[in-house]
Amino acid sequence: MSAFDLTIRHGRIITATDDFQGDIGIVDGRIAAVAERLSPGRRDYDAAGRLVMPGGIDSHCHVEQLSSMGVLCADDWYSASVSAAYGGNTCIVPFAAQHRGQSLREVAEQYRASAAAKSVIDFSYHLIVSDPTPQTLETDLPSLIREGITSFKVFMTYERLKLDDAQLLEVFAIAAREGALPMVHAENNDVITWVARHLLRHGLTAPKYHATSHAPVAETEATNRAIQLASLLDVPVMIVHVSTQGAAQAIHAARTLGAPVHGETCPHYLLLTADDLDLPGVEGAKFCCSPPPRDPASQAALWRALAGGTLQLFSSDHAPYRFDETGKLPSGEATTFKQIANGLPGLEVRMPLLFSEGVRKGRITLNQFVALTSTNHALMYGMHPRKGTIAPGADADIVVWDPARERRITWADLHDAVGYTPYEGMTITGWPDVVFSRGEAVVEAGTLQAAAGRGRFVSRGQPAPVRSARVPGTEARFMRSLSGAGPFTAR
């Protein structure tokens, strides 16, 4: 009788650090052995000629979430998890979003229950903190962190979500005390509001002016400010969806000085530009997100930042709104750029786009591809080594990848519920053949083989930036003691 439930054999195994021919033996949903040659399992999968990699982890996507404008995402947990699986992902980490007046605890519990009932792949979630009341700060946020939700997102823009600088310091202090990683949407709200007001006053309402109003300086200034505020407490921080060269440079400068600052970017910032918003009528709304796509110089800077390690994560920021009155266009053809729901779909094509445009074109290596789409996400958010690697003891979350498969992207072939893709018509090379989640094939031969509710909640430990953070300096220790965060990094 075979020692393995499943063996994946004869593939080229790629991790964030290794590249070798070998076999993987799986027992009870976990990797039991990795070797040059293993005996066949009860099921034996031949991966000859293909790449065998850790399943993707998309740690920044919006699923079954109500926006601050009251618009509900097109994708619920089922459609989003199915779409993610078809794109090579075995775990997603979206957001339980608190809006003003809501209990953070109740939002989190309701979100987890919905995910458990619908997701076909494993999941966790971040918190969004928009209402830092005493109940939120003193009870709900600390207790949820201790229960395995060890990251949360805060906004510096959007009137109904943004925190001021003092509030940012309050939540940073809790992150320092509890060992959590704050994620920051860094844009200067006053800059955006000022520019938008003057554009609207002059009758400039088309979607392309969304990009104008979100001036690069708004992102660069806010990124610098978030980094400086975090430095007061010496707390690790993640700057999400970086789109500008200035923001990337700010992160690089902070990291050069040893600050625990990290960054993420997304497909639309590497492949789209502000010119994509300049279309007839309201068609450009399909490309409106915040921050917006920029220009070729910004794209080149972000590719360098990914290859050089300034940006450690590549996430989809999947924010799926339909192109109609229920989503992007609340006022139909009369919708102004300020009324457009912000966000682009991209969950299913995240990994294929980076493989085709990054690996195939020589911008990043295969090892970097794995790090940027899987391993770094597991490390950054407290899931490693259970997730994000191919090693004994890890969950058998594995994607078998055909590096030569050419495919033309069209929404009709995708599995989200949005109705369009901003990458329509793009031809890419490289696509997943089969996706194993805990040793079970969830997508194989183009067919879904997993039911709603199959996914499991992943309780997360301390993020790697917290575990490895330097001992705070004298000023940071003093500031932590004033805030009740204590003199050192984490519990």
Protein backbone atom coordinates (compact mmCIF):
# COMPACT_ATOMS: atom_id res chain seq x y z
CA MET A 1 0.00 0.00 0.00
CA SER A 2 1.36 3.44 -0.92
CA ALA A 3 2.65 5.70 1.82
CA PHE A 4 1.17 8.73 0.05
CA ASP A 5 -2.37 9.81 -0.74
CA LEU A 6 -1.03 11.79 -3.70
CA THR A 7 2.30 12.20 -5.40
CA ILE A 8 3.12 14.98 -7.83
CA ARG A 9 6.03 13.66 -9.84
CA HIS A 10 8.55 14.66 -12.49
CA GLY A 11 7.88 18.39 -12.21
CA ARG A 12 10.26 21.30 -11.94
CA ILE A 13 9.70 22.44 -8.36
CA ILE A 14 10.04 26.19 -7.82
CA THR A 15 9.96 27.88 -4.42
CA ALA A 16 11.07 31.36 -3.38
CA THR A 17 14.62 30.02 -2.97
CA ASP A 18 14.91 26.71 -4.86
CA ASP A 19 14.61 25.34 -8.39
CA PHE A 20 14.97 21.57 -8.93
CA GLN A 21 13.43 18.47 -10.51
CA GLY A 22 11.62 16.31 -8.01
CA ASP A 23 8.57 14.65 -6.54
CA ILE A 24 6.20 15.67 -3.77
CA GLY A 25 4.43 13.18 -1.50
CA ILE A 26 1.22 14.24 0.24
CA VAL A 27 -0.56 12.68 3.23
CA ASP A 28 -3.73 13.99 4.90
CA GLY A 29 -3.59 17.28 3.05
CA ARG A 30 0.00 18.10 4.00
CA ILE A 31 3.33 17.67 2.30
CA ALA A 32 5.01 14.60 3.80
CA ALA A 33 8.10 14.37 1.59
CA VAL A 34 9.98 16.23 -1.13
CA ALA A 35 12.67 14.27 -2.92
CA GLU A 36 14.30 13.65 -6.27
CA ARG A 37 12.24 10.48 -6.61
CA LEU A 38 9.33 9.09 -4.59
CA SER A 39 7.19 5.98 -4.99
CA PRO A 40 3.77 6.52 -6.58
CA GLY A 41 0.88 7.55 -4.38
CA ARG A 42 -2.67 6.24 -4.37
CA ARG A 43 -3.11 8.99 -6.92
CA ASP A 44 -0.05 9.74 -9.01
CA TYR A 45 0.02 13.03 -10.93
CA ASP A 46 2.63 13.41 -13.66
CA ALA A 47 3.80 17.04 -13.85
CA ALA A 48 6.52 16.45 -16.44
CA GLY A 49 7.32 19.53 -18.49
CA ARG A 50 5.57 21.89 -16.11
CA LEU A 51 6.38 24.03 -13.10
CA VAL A 52 5.25 22.96 -9.62
CA MET A 53 4.90 25.94 -7.26
CA PRO A 54 3.19 26.95 -4.02
CA GLY A 55 -0.41 27.97 -4.63
CA GLY A 56 -0.94 31.69 -4.91
CA ILE A 57 -1.98 33.79 -1.93
CA ASP A 58 -3.79 37.02 -2.77
CA SER A 59 -3.61 39.08 0.39
CA HIS A 60 -5.34 42.19 -0.95
CA CYS A 61 -8.76 41.69 -2.53
CA HIS A 62 -12.26 42.91 -1.81
CA VAL A 63 -14.94 40.28 -1.50
CA GLU A 64 -18.59 40.62 -0.46
CA GLN A 65 -17.74 44.09 0.88
CA LEU A 66 -19.78 47.27 1.04
CA SER A 67 -17.85 50.35 -0.07
CA SER A 68 -17.90 53.64 1.82
CA MET A 69 -20.28 54.88 -0.92
CA GLY A 70 -22.71 52.06 -0.15
CA VAL A 71 -21.92 49.95 -3.25
CA LEU A 72 -21.68 46.18 -2.78
CA CYS A 73 -18.99 44.19 -4.54
CA ALA A 74 -20.13 42.07 -7.46
CA ASP A 75 -18.31 39.03 -6.05
CA ASP A 76 -19.40 37.15 -2.97
CA TRP A 77 -17.17 34.61 -1.23
CA TYR A 78 -18.18 31.83 -3.59
CA SER A 79 -17.62 33.58 -6.93
CA ALA A 80 -14.43 35.25 -5.71
CA SER A 81 -12.92 32.04 -4.35
CA VAL A 82 -13.79 30.14 -7.53
CA SER A 83 -12.22 32.86 -9.66
CA ALA A 84 -9.15 32.89 -7.44
CA ALA A 85 -8.75 29.12 -7.71
CA TYR A 86 -8.95 29.17 -11.50
CA GLY A 87 -6.10 31.70 -11.44
CA GLY A 88 -3.79 29.46 -9.41
CA ASN A 89 -4.61 30.73 -5.92
CA THR A 90 -5.17 28.49 -2.91
CA CYS A 91 -5.79 31.18 -0.28
CA ILE A 92 -7.28 34.68 -0.27
CA VAL A 93 -7.20 37.36 2.42
CA PRO A 94 -9.82 40.09 1.82
CA PHE A 95 -11.23 42.64 4.27
CA ALA A 96 -13.88 42.71 6.98
CA ALA A 97 -14.73 46.39 6.62
CA GLN A 98 -15.95 48.41 9.56
CA HIS A 99 -17.97 51.50 8.65
CA ARG A 100 -18.73 54.37 11.01
CA GLY A 101 -21.08 53.32 13.80
CA GLN A 102 -20.46 49.60 13.33
CA SER A 103 -19.04 47.15 15.86
CA LEU A 104 -15.69 45.82 14.63
CA ARG A 105 -16.35 42.55 16.47
CA GLU A 106 -19.76 42.02 14.83
CA VAL A 107 -18.43 42.89 11.37
CA ALA A 108 -15.60 40.38 11.75
CA GLU A 109 -17.80 37.56 13.00
CA GLN A 110 -20.39 38.02 10.25
CA TYR A 111 -17.67 38.14 7.60
CA ARG A 112 -16.02 34.96 8.81
CA ALA A 113 -19.35 33.11 8.89
CA SER A 114 -20.10 34.07 5.29
CA ALA A 115 -16.64 32.98 4.16
CA ALA A 116 -16.92 29.64 5.94
CA ALA A 117 -20.23 28.93 4.21
CA LYS A 118 -19.13 29.86 0.68
CA SER A 119 -15.37 29.76 0.02
CA VAL A 120 -13.97 26.85 -1.99
CA ILE A 121 -10.37 27.59 -0.92
CA ASP A 122 -8.75 28.50 2.38
CA PHE A 123 -9.13 32.03 3.63
CA SER A 124 -8.36 34.58 6.26
CA TYR A 125 -9.19 38.27 6.37
CA HIS A 126 -7.82 41.61 7.46
CA LEU A 127 -9.81 44.18 9.39
CA ILE A 128 -10.59 47.67 8.14
CA VAL A 129 -10.69 50.14 11.02
CA SER A 130 -12.63 53.31 10.24
CA ASP A 131 -14.30 54.09 13.57
CA PRO A 132 -11.64 54.12 16.31
CA THR A 133 -14.01 54.38 19.26
CA PRO A 134 -12.92 53.31 22.76
CA GLN A 135 -14.74 50.00 22.23
CA THR A 136 -12.87 49.43 18.96
CA LEU A 137 -9.46 50.45 20.28
CA GLU A 138 -9.57 49.07 23.80
CA THR A 139 -11.52 45.84 23.30
CA ASP A 140 -12.44 44.71 19.79
CA LEU A 141 -9.23 45.32 17.87
CA PRO A 142 -6.86 43.83 20.50
CA SER A 143 -9.04 40.76 21.02
CA LEU A 144 -9.42 40.08 17.29
CA ILE A 145 -5.66 40.33 16.82
CA ARG A 146 -5.16 37.79 19.59
CA GLU A 147 -7.64 35.49 17.85
CA GLY A 148 -5.51 35.32 14.71
CA ILE A 149 -6.49 38.40 12.66
CA THR A 150 -3.03 39.90 12.88
CA SER A 151 -3.32 42.66 10.31
CA PHE A 152 -5.62 45.59 9.69
CA LYS A 153 -6.02 48.33 7.13
CA VAL A 154 -6.45 52.05 7.66
CA PHE A 155 -7.18 54.82 5.17
CA MET A 156 -5.73 58.31 4.85
CA THR A 157 -8.38 59.27 2.28
CA TYR A 158 -12.13 58.77 1.64
CA GLU A 159 -14.23 60.98 3.90
CA ARG A 160 -16.15 58.09 5.45
CA LEU A 161 -13.11 55.92 6.09
CA LYS A 162 -10.09 58.12 6.70
CA LEU A 163 -8.29 58.48 10.02
CA ASP A 164 -6.45 61.63 11.00
CA ASP A 165 -2.82 61.54 12.11
CA ALA A 166 -3.64 61.23 15.81
CA GLN A 167 -5.97 58.32 15.11
CA LEU A 168 -3.30 56.65 13.00
CA LEU A 169 -0.91 56.87 15.93
CA GLU A 170 -3.53 55.27 18.19
CA VAL A 171 -3.93 52.24 15.95
CA PHE A 172 -0.17 52.02 15.32
CA ALA A 173 0.32 51.86 19.09
CA ILE A 174 -2.10 48.94 19.31
CA ALA A 175 -0.25 47.19 16.49
CA ALA A 176 3.01 47.68 18.39
CA ARG A 177 1.56 46.29 21.60
CA GLU A 178 -0.31 43.33 20.08
CA GLY A 179 2.15 42.33 17.38
CA ALA A 180 0.01 43.17 14.35
CA LEU A 181 0.84 44.67 10.96
CA PRO A 182 -1.02 47.85 9.92
CA MET A 183 -1.70 48.30 6.21
CA VAL A 184 -2.05 51.87 4.97
CA HIS A 185 -3.92 53.30 1.98
CA ALA A 186 -1.68 56.33 1.63
CA GLU A 187 -3.17 59.30 -0.25
CA ASN A 188 -3.51 62.88 0.96
CA ASN A 189 -7.26 63.46 1.19
CA ASP A 190 -7.02 67.26 1.20
CA VAL A 191 -5.00 67.32 -2.03
CA ILE A 192 -7.50 65.03 -3.79
CA THR A 193 -10.49 67.00 -2.50
CA TRP A 194 -8.99 70.36 -3.50
CA VAL A 195 -8.12 69.28 -7.04
CA ALA A 196 -11.49 67.54 -7.53
CA ARG A 197 -13.43 70.59 -6.36
CA HIS A 198 -11.72 72.82 -8.92
CA LEU A 199 -12.15 70.28 -11.72
CA LEU A 200 -15.88 69.96 -11.04
CA ARG A 201 -16.25 73.74 -10.83
CA HIS A 202 -14.93 73.97 -14.37
CA GLY A 203 -17.26 71.24 -15.64
CA LEU A 204 -14.50 68.65 -16.01
CA THR A 205 -16.41 65.55 -14.96
CA ALA A 206 -15.28 62.73 -17.29
CA PRO A 207 -13.68 59.56 -15.85
CA LYS A 208 -10.22 60.65 -17.01
CA TYR A 209 -10.27 63.43 -14.41
CA HIS A 210 -10.28 60.83 -11.67
CA ALA A 211 -6.60 60.31 -12.45
CA THR A 212 -6.01 64.07 -12.47
CA SER A 213 -7.60 64.52 -9.05
CA HIS A 214 -5.53 61.74 -7.50
CA ALA A 215 -2.29 63.57 -8.24
CA PRO A 216 0.94 61.60 -7.69
CA VAL A 217 2.00 64.08 -5.02
CA ALA A 218 -1.02 63.04 -2.93
CA GLU A 219 0.29 59.49 -2.76
CA THR A 220 3.93 60.40 -2.30
CA GLU A 221 3.23 62.87 0.52
CA ALA A 222 0.91 60.49 2.36
CA THR A 223 3.36 57.61 2.01
CA ASN A 224 6.10 59.73 3.54
CA ARG A 225 3.75 60.83 6.32
CA ALA A 226 2.62 57.28 7.13
CA ILE A 227 6.25 56.17 7.30
CA GLN A 228 7.17 59.02 9.63
CA LEU A 229 4.17 58.43 11.91
CA ALA A 230 5.03 54.74 12.14
CA SER A 231 8.63 55.64 12.94
CA LEU A 232 7.52 57.51 16.05
CA LEU A 233 6.65 54.10 17.52
CA ASP A 234 9.05 52.09 15.33
CA VAL A 235 6.16 49.87 14.29
CA PRO A 236 6.30 47.81 11.06
CA VAL A 237 3.94 49.11 8.39
CA MET A 238 2.76 47.96 4.95
CA ILE A 239 2.05 50.58 2.28
CA VAL A 240 -0.50 49.00 -0.05
CA HIS A 241 -1.12 49.43 -3.80
CA VAL A 242 1.91 51.62 -4.52
CA SER A 243 1.49 53.35 -7.89
CA THR A 244 4.09 56.14 -8.03
CA GLN A 245 7.83 56.35 -8.30
CA GLY A 246 7.83 58.83 -5.41
CA ALA A 247 6.06 56.42 -3.04
CA ALA A 248 8.40 53.59 -4.04
CA GLN A 249 11.40 55.85 -3.42
CA ALA A 250 10.06 56.79 0.02
CA ILE A 251 9.75 53.12 0.94
CA HIS A 252 13.23 52.38 -0.42
CA ALA A 253 14.76 55.26 1.54
CA ALA A 254 13.12 54.13 4.77
CA ARG A 255 14.23 50.52 4.27
CA THR A 256 17.77 51.67 3.50
CA LEU A 257 17.82 53.27 6.95
CA GLY A 258 16.60 50.03 8.50
CA ALA A 259 12.98 51.02 9.08
CA PRO A 260 10.44 48.14 9.04
CA VAL A 261 8.54 49.55 6.06
CA HIS A 262 7.11 47.30 3.36
CA GLY A 263 5.28 47.81 0.09
CA GLU A 264 2.87 46.21 -2.35
CA THR A 265 1.83 46.89 -5.92
CA CYS A 266 -0.78 45.49 -8.29
CA PRO A 267 -1.22 44.45 -11.95
CA HIS A 268 -2.98 47.64 -13.04
CA TYR A 269 -0.03 49.79 -12.00
CA LEU A 270 2.35 47.74 -14.14
CA LEU A 271 0.13 47.31 -17.20
CA LEU A 272 -2.33 50.21 -17.39
CA THR A 273 -1.89 53.98 -17.54
CA ALA A 274 -4.02 57.07 -16.97
CA ASP A 275 -4.58 57.17 -20.74
CA ASP A 276 -6.84 54.12 -20.38
CA LEU A 277 -9.35 56.33 -18.56
CA ASP A 278 -9.55 58.72 -21.54
CA LEU A 279 -12.33 56.99 -23.46
CA PRO A 280 -15.64 58.18 -24.94
CA GLY A 281 -18.55 58.78 -22.58
CA VAL A 282 -18.15 56.95 -19.27
CA GLU A 283 -16.26 53.98 -20.70
CA GLY A 284 -13.15 55.11 -18.85
CA ALA A 285 -14.91 54.29 -15.56
CA LYS A 286 -13.87 50.68 -16.14
CA PHE A 287 -10.30 51.78 -15.35
CA CYS A 288 -10.99 53.99 -12.32
CA CYS A 289 -9.30 52.88 -9.11
CA SER A 290 -7.52 54.63 -6.26
CA PRO A 291 -4.71 55.36 -6.63
CA PRO A 292 -5.20 55.45 -10.40
CA PRO A 293 -2.90 53.96 -13.03
CA ARG A 294 -0.08 56.39 -13.82
CA ASP A 295 2.35 56.49 -16.75
CA PRO A 296 5.13 54.44 -18.40
CA ALA A 297 7.82 55.98 -16.17
CA SER A 298 5.92 54.90 -13.07
CA GLN A 299 5.47 51.41 -14.51
CA ALA A 300 9.21 51.08 -15.08
CA ALA A 301 9.95 52.30 -11.56
CA LEU A 302 7.57 49.74 -10.05
CA TRP A 303 9.07 46.88 -12.04
CA ARG A 304 12.48 47.90 -10.68
CA ALA A 305 11.07 48.09 -7.17
CA LEU A 306 9.65 44.56 -7.45
CA ALA A 307 12.86 43.12 -8.85
CA GLY A 308 15.00 44.96 -6.29
CA GLY A 309 12.96 44.03 -3.23
CA THR A 310 11.61 47.48 -2.35
CA LEU A 311 8.11 46.10 -2.93
CA GLN A 312 7.59 42.63 -1.49
CA LEU A 313 3.99 41.85 -2.48
CA PHE A 314 2.09 41.62 -5.73
CA SER A 315 -1.65 41.60 -5.04
CA SER A 316 -4.69 42.01 -7.24
CA ASP A 317 -6.57 44.62 -5.16
CA HIS A 318 -9.57 42.96 -6.81
CA ALA A 319 -12.39 45.47 -6.25
CA PRO A 320 -15.23 44.17 -8.42
CA TYR A 321 -17.97 46.62 -9.38
CA ARG A 322 -20.26 46.00 -12.32
CA PHE A 323 -20.32 48.53 -15.15
CA ASP A 324 -23.90 49.66 -14.48
CA GLU A 325 -26.05 51.55 -11.98
CA THR A 326 -25.42 48.90 -9.28
CA GLY A 327 -21.68 49.48 -9.44
CA LYS A 328 -19.51 51.87 -11.39
CA LEU A 329 -22.25 54.15 -12.70
CA PRO A 330 -24.74 55.14 -9.98
CA SER A 331 -26.06 57.97 -12.18
CA GLY A 332 -25.71 56.19 -15.50
CA GLU A 333 -24.19 58.25 -18.29
CA ALA A 334 -24.34 61.35 -16.04
CA THR A 335 -21.98 59.83 -13.45
CA THR A 336 -19.06 62.16 -12.66
CA PHE A 337 -15.57 60.95 -11.82
CA LYS A 338 -16.27 61.62 -8.12
CA GLN A 339 -19.26 59.25 -8.15
CA ILE A 340 -17.60 56.29 -9.85
CA ALA A 341 -17.07 53.25 -7.61
CA ASN A 342 -13.31 52.86 -7.28
CA GLY A 343 -11.71 49.56 -8.12
CA LEU A 344 -10.78 47.05 -10.80
CA PRO A 345 -11.24 43.28 -11.07
CA GLY A 346 -8.10 41.17 -11.36
CA LEU A 347 -8.18 38.22 -8.96
CA GLU A 348 -8.07 35.45 -11.56
CA VAL A 349 -5.45 37.00 -13.84
CA ARG A 350 -3.01 38.29 -11.17
CA MET A 351 -0.59 35.38 -11.39
CA PRO A 352 -0.78 34.83 -15.16
CA LEU A 353 -0.17 38.54 -15.82
CA LEU A 354 2.92 38.65 -13.60
CA PHE A 355 4.27 35.42 -15.08
CA SER A 356 3.78 36.56 -18.67
CA GLU A 357 4.92 40.16 -18.25
CA GLY A 358 7.48 39.54 -15.52
CA VAL A 359 9.08 36.10 -15.86
CA ARG A 360 8.65 35.60 -19.60
CA LYS A 361 10.02 39.07 -20.36
CA GLY A 362 12.99 38.73 -18.01
CA ARG A 363 11.95 41.38 -15.50
CA ILE A 364 11.83 38.96 -12.55
CA THR A 365 13.02 35.41 -11.91
CA LEU A 366 10.89 32.34 -11.25
CA ASN A 367 11.92 32.43 -7.59
CA GLN A 368 10.82 36.06 -7.36
CA PHE A 369 7.53 35.16 -9.00
CA VAL A 370 6.83 32.63 -6.24
CA ALA A 371 7.90 35.08 -3.54
CA LEU A 372 5.78 37.92 -4.91
CA THR A 373 2.63 35.85 -5.45
CA SER A 374 2.76 33.43 -2.51
CA THR A 375 5.66 33.11 -0.07
CA ASN A 376 6.00 36.77 0.89
CA HIS A 377 2.25 36.98 1.50
CA ALA A 378 2.45 34.01 3.88
CA LEU A 379 5.41 35.55 5.67
CA MET A 380 4.03 39.06 5.80
CA TYR A 381 0.70 38.00 7.28
CA GLY A 382 1.66 35.22 9.68
CA MET A 383 0.82 32.09 7.64
CA HIS A 384 4.31 30.75 6.94
CA PRO A 385 5.47 27.92 6.96
CA ARG A 386 1.98 26.39 6.89
CA LYS A 387 1.28 28.29 3.66
CA GLY A 388 3.42 29.69 0.87
CA THR A 389 6.07 27.01 0.48
CA ILE A 390 6.73 23.45 -0.67
CA ALA A 391 8.30 21.68 2.30
CA PRO A 392 7.43 18.82 4.66
CA GLY A 393 4.75 19.90 7.11
CA ALA A 394 3.27 22.62 4.89
CA ASP A 395 -0.27 22.44 3.58
CA ALA A 396 -0.28 20.79 0.16
CA ASP A 397 -1.37 23.98 -1.60
CA ILE A 398 0.25 23.53 -4.99
CA VAL A 399 -0.26 24.85 -8.50
CA VAL A 400 1.04 22.93 -11.52
CA TRP A 401 1.80 25.59 -14.10
CA ASP A 402 2.14 25.35 -17.86
CA PRO A 403 4.77 27.99 -18.72
CA ALA A 404 4.14 27.75 -22.46
CA ARG A 405 0.34 27.89 -22.53
CA GLU A 406 -0.79 30.92 -24.51
CA ARG A 407 -4.14 32.45 -23.74
CA ARG A 408 -6.09 35.52 -24.80
CA ILE A 409 -7.80 37.16 -21.84
CA THR A 410 -11.51 37.68 -22.25
CA TRP A 411 -14.08 38.10 -19.50
CA ALA A 412 -16.28 35.38 -21.02
CA ASP A 413 -13.61 32.85 -19.99
CA LEU A 414 -13.17 34.18 -16.45
CA HIS A 415 -15.15 33.21 -13.38
CA ASP A 416 -15.84 36.40 -11.43
CA ALA A 417 -19.22 38.12 -11.43
CA VAL A 418 -18.07 41.55 -12.62
CA GLY A 419 -18.97 41.50 -16.30
CA TYR A 420 -15.74 42.91 -17.73
CA THR A 421 -11.98 42.78 -17.39
CA PRO A 422 -9.63 45.75 -17.95
CA TYR A 423 -7.23 43.31 -19.65
CA GLU A 424 -9.70 42.26 -22.37
CA GLY A 425 -7.90 41.04 -25.49
CA MET A 426 -4.44 40.84 -23.94
CA THR A 427 -2.50 37.73 -24.99
CA ILE A 428 -0.39 36.19 -22.25
CA THR A 429 1.79 33.10 -21.88
CA GLY A 430 1.65 30.89 -18.79
CA TRP A 431 -1.45 29.52 -17.06
CA PRO A 432 -2.23 27.01 -14.30
CA ASP A 433 -3.06 23.43 -15.33
CA VAL A 434 -4.21 22.05 -11.99
CA VAL A 435 -4.62 23.62 -8.56
CA PHE A 436 -4.35 21.49 -5.41
CA SER A 437 -5.66 22.84 -2.11
CA ARG A 438 -4.58 20.73 0.86
CA GLY A 439 -3.88 17.89 -1.54
CA GLU A 440 -7.28 18.03 -3.25
CA ALA A 441 -7.63 19.12 -6.87
CA VAL A 442 -9.97 22.12 -6.80
CA VAL A 443 -9.48 23.03 -10.46
CA GLU A 444 -8.36 20.45 -13.00
CA ALA A 445 -8.80 20.19 -16.77
CA GLY A 446 -10.63 23.52 -16.67
CA THR A 447 -13.27 22.15 -14.30
CA LEU A 448 -14.11 23.20 -10.75
CA GLN A 449 -13.97 20.22 -8.39
CA ALA A 450 -14.69 21.92 -5.06
CA ALA A 451 -17.92 22.84 -3.32
CA ALA A 452 -18.91 25.98 -1.44
CA GLY A 453 -17.80 25.80 2.19
CA ARG A 454 -14.79 23.59 1.48
CA GLY A 455 -12.32 26.35 2.41
CA ARG A 456 -10.97 26.60 5.94
CA PHE A 457 -10.25 29.67 8.03
CA VAL A 458 -6.53 30.28 8.56
CA SER A 459 -5.77 31.65 12.01
CA ARG A 460 -2.63 33.72 11.59
CA GLY A 461 0.34 34.18 13.86
CA GLN A 462 2.59 37.19 14.17
CA PRO A 463 3.63 38.66 10.83
CA ALA A 464 7.29 38.18 9.94
CA PRO A 465 7.98 41.96 10.03
CA VAL A 466 6.83 41.93 13.66
CA ARG A 467 8.86 38.87 14.62
CA SER A 468 12.01 40.27 13.05
CA ALA A 469 11.56 43.94 13.98
CA ARG A 470 14.50 45.66 15.57
CA VAL A 471 14.40 46.72 19.21
CA PRO A 472 12.83 50.21 19.22
CA GLY A 473 15.09 53.19 19.78
CA THR A 474 14.95 55.36 22.88
CA GLU A 475 12.33 57.76 21.53
CA ALA A 476 10.11 54.95 20.24
CA ARG A 477 10.34 53.09 23.56
CA PHE A 478 9.30 56.24 25.38
CA MET A 479 6.39 56.87 23.00
CA ARG A 480 5.26 53.27 23.34
CA SER A 481 5.31 53.50 27.11
CA LEU A 482 3.18 56.67 26.95
CA SER A 483 0.62 54.93 24.77
CA GLY A 484 0.54 51.75 26.80
CA ALA A 485 2.20 49.78 24.03
CA GLY A 486 5.17 48.88 26.21
CA PRO A 487 8.87 49.36 25.52
CA PHE A 488 9.47 46.47 23.14
CA THR A 489 8.10 45.21 19.88
CA ALA A 490 5.43 42.64 20.66
CA ARG A 491 4.05 40.20 23.16
